[in-house]
Amino acid sequence: IPPTTGQALFEFRRKALKLPSIPPTKNGYDLVVIGGGYSGTSAAISAARHGLKVALIHDRAILGGNGSSEVQVWAMGGTQLGKFPHLGEIVNEFSDFSRDSPGLAEEFVDDLKEKVVRSEEKIDLYLNHFAFRTNTKENLIESVDAVDTTTGAFTRIAGSLFCDSTGHGTIGAQAGAEFMMAEKGHMGMSNMWSIKDTGEKIEWPKTPWALPLGEGDYPSLHASRGPYQKFKKAEWFWEGGYDKHPINDLEEIRDWNLRANFGAFAHIKQSDTGAKLMWMAFIGGNRESRRIKGDIVLTGDDIAAKKEFSDASVPTTWSIDLHYPKKEFQKGVAKENPFIAIAVHDRKVDRKSGYNIPYRCFYSKNINNLFMAGRCISVDRRALGTTRVMRTCGMMGEVVGKAAWIATNRKTSPRGVYQNYLPLLIDLM
């Protein structure tokens, strides 16, 4: 019987695949970016356009993260605003402008994202690679080990600087970075879905494993907005996992969401025999897990008070938007594990010009060559409510790419950029 957990399983798999104990190494990268969502993709492009040699590691076959056709969250956040009108130029090259979320797969422009990245000669793109181990020495990351999820082969990818754009702060946690995380009472994961009316009877199998849902157990689906074809959609608020562990329980959260989705659709089929399941996200869209500590932890109070920092950078324009279980649907099988959310907006953010996030939120306070971009930056839970939307995260990546160039060119650290070269960074922004 093969082992089922931990290092024993890892060694069993390695030997079965006849893989070396030490992975072959790819050297020579100035910046290694892990996570190919909006933040990581922007960081890689930004750094490459400043002349750095970049590795972009992503665990899926397509780029975009929550903004890909696999998850279908539409991109939000104002760009090219205020004192830094050039921030957002990169993210706008590949951003979707979908009319619906969820919507049509082609509106999330997966191909465009990959095309823009592959047009950069300085970027090596590692799709279908999961970074499972981080190798450190004296508070510095030396390399990450990644497994090719299609072949099982391992590769060690070494660099001078690293950027955690995993969303979950995975690289920071592996490296020993200090981080914050609410294990309960956090925002959840969404698995959206959509249906269309075919006008003819379509059989649907029994789904005894789905949640037994009936009238009033879930909200009505919304009509699509786009002109191309009409469908109904279960949007962002099909969200669960608020009191589940945001890392260890991810599969359980997703499976519960899917059971809710299929339970609702089975109920819809009782009265609408022509309904056809059009699409469902088998990958969850996460909102909140680890947030890596930087030299500043930006708070929601800072944002509401419009506190100014000398290293102000990326404008965040979304309201402070926190999600909670919607009590109307927190009953029956969903009483202890709800799957429908309500968004509570604190509208103290200037939606026109935004609030500028300090650069010091974009690097680790104790891992000396680690940047962050995306929802794992150094903010408290309230501040995360505004900073987490994708175009805003993309601009974080743009700033990280610029800071990485300064750090490489001036032979300094992410912190050293702030301490010694802040005017240069401001000029580049």
Foldseek 3Di string as FASTA:
>chain_A
DQDDDDPSNVVVLCVVLVADPDAAEDDDFLEEEEAQALQRLLLQLLQLVLPTQYEYEHQAQFGHACLALLNQDAFDWDALFDLRNCQLVVSVQQHFPDQDRNDDRVSSPRVSSVVSSVVRPRYDYHYNWDFDAFDDDQLATAWTWIARNVSRHIYTYGHRFYEYARLQCNRCVRSVFDKDWDQAQAWFWDKKFKKAFPPDADDDDDDPQADQDEPQQDDDFDWGDDDPDIITMDHPQQTWDRNHGPPPCQVVRLVNSVSDVVNVVVRVCVPRRRMDTDDINSHIDGQGGIAGAFPDAAELVCQLVLPDDPQFAQFFQAFLKGKDADPSNCDDVNVPIPRGIDIDGDRSFHNRRGRTDGLRQQATHRNFRYGYFALRTRYDRSVSSGCHGNSSSSSNSSLSSLLSSVCVVVVHTSVCCVVPPSVVSSVVD
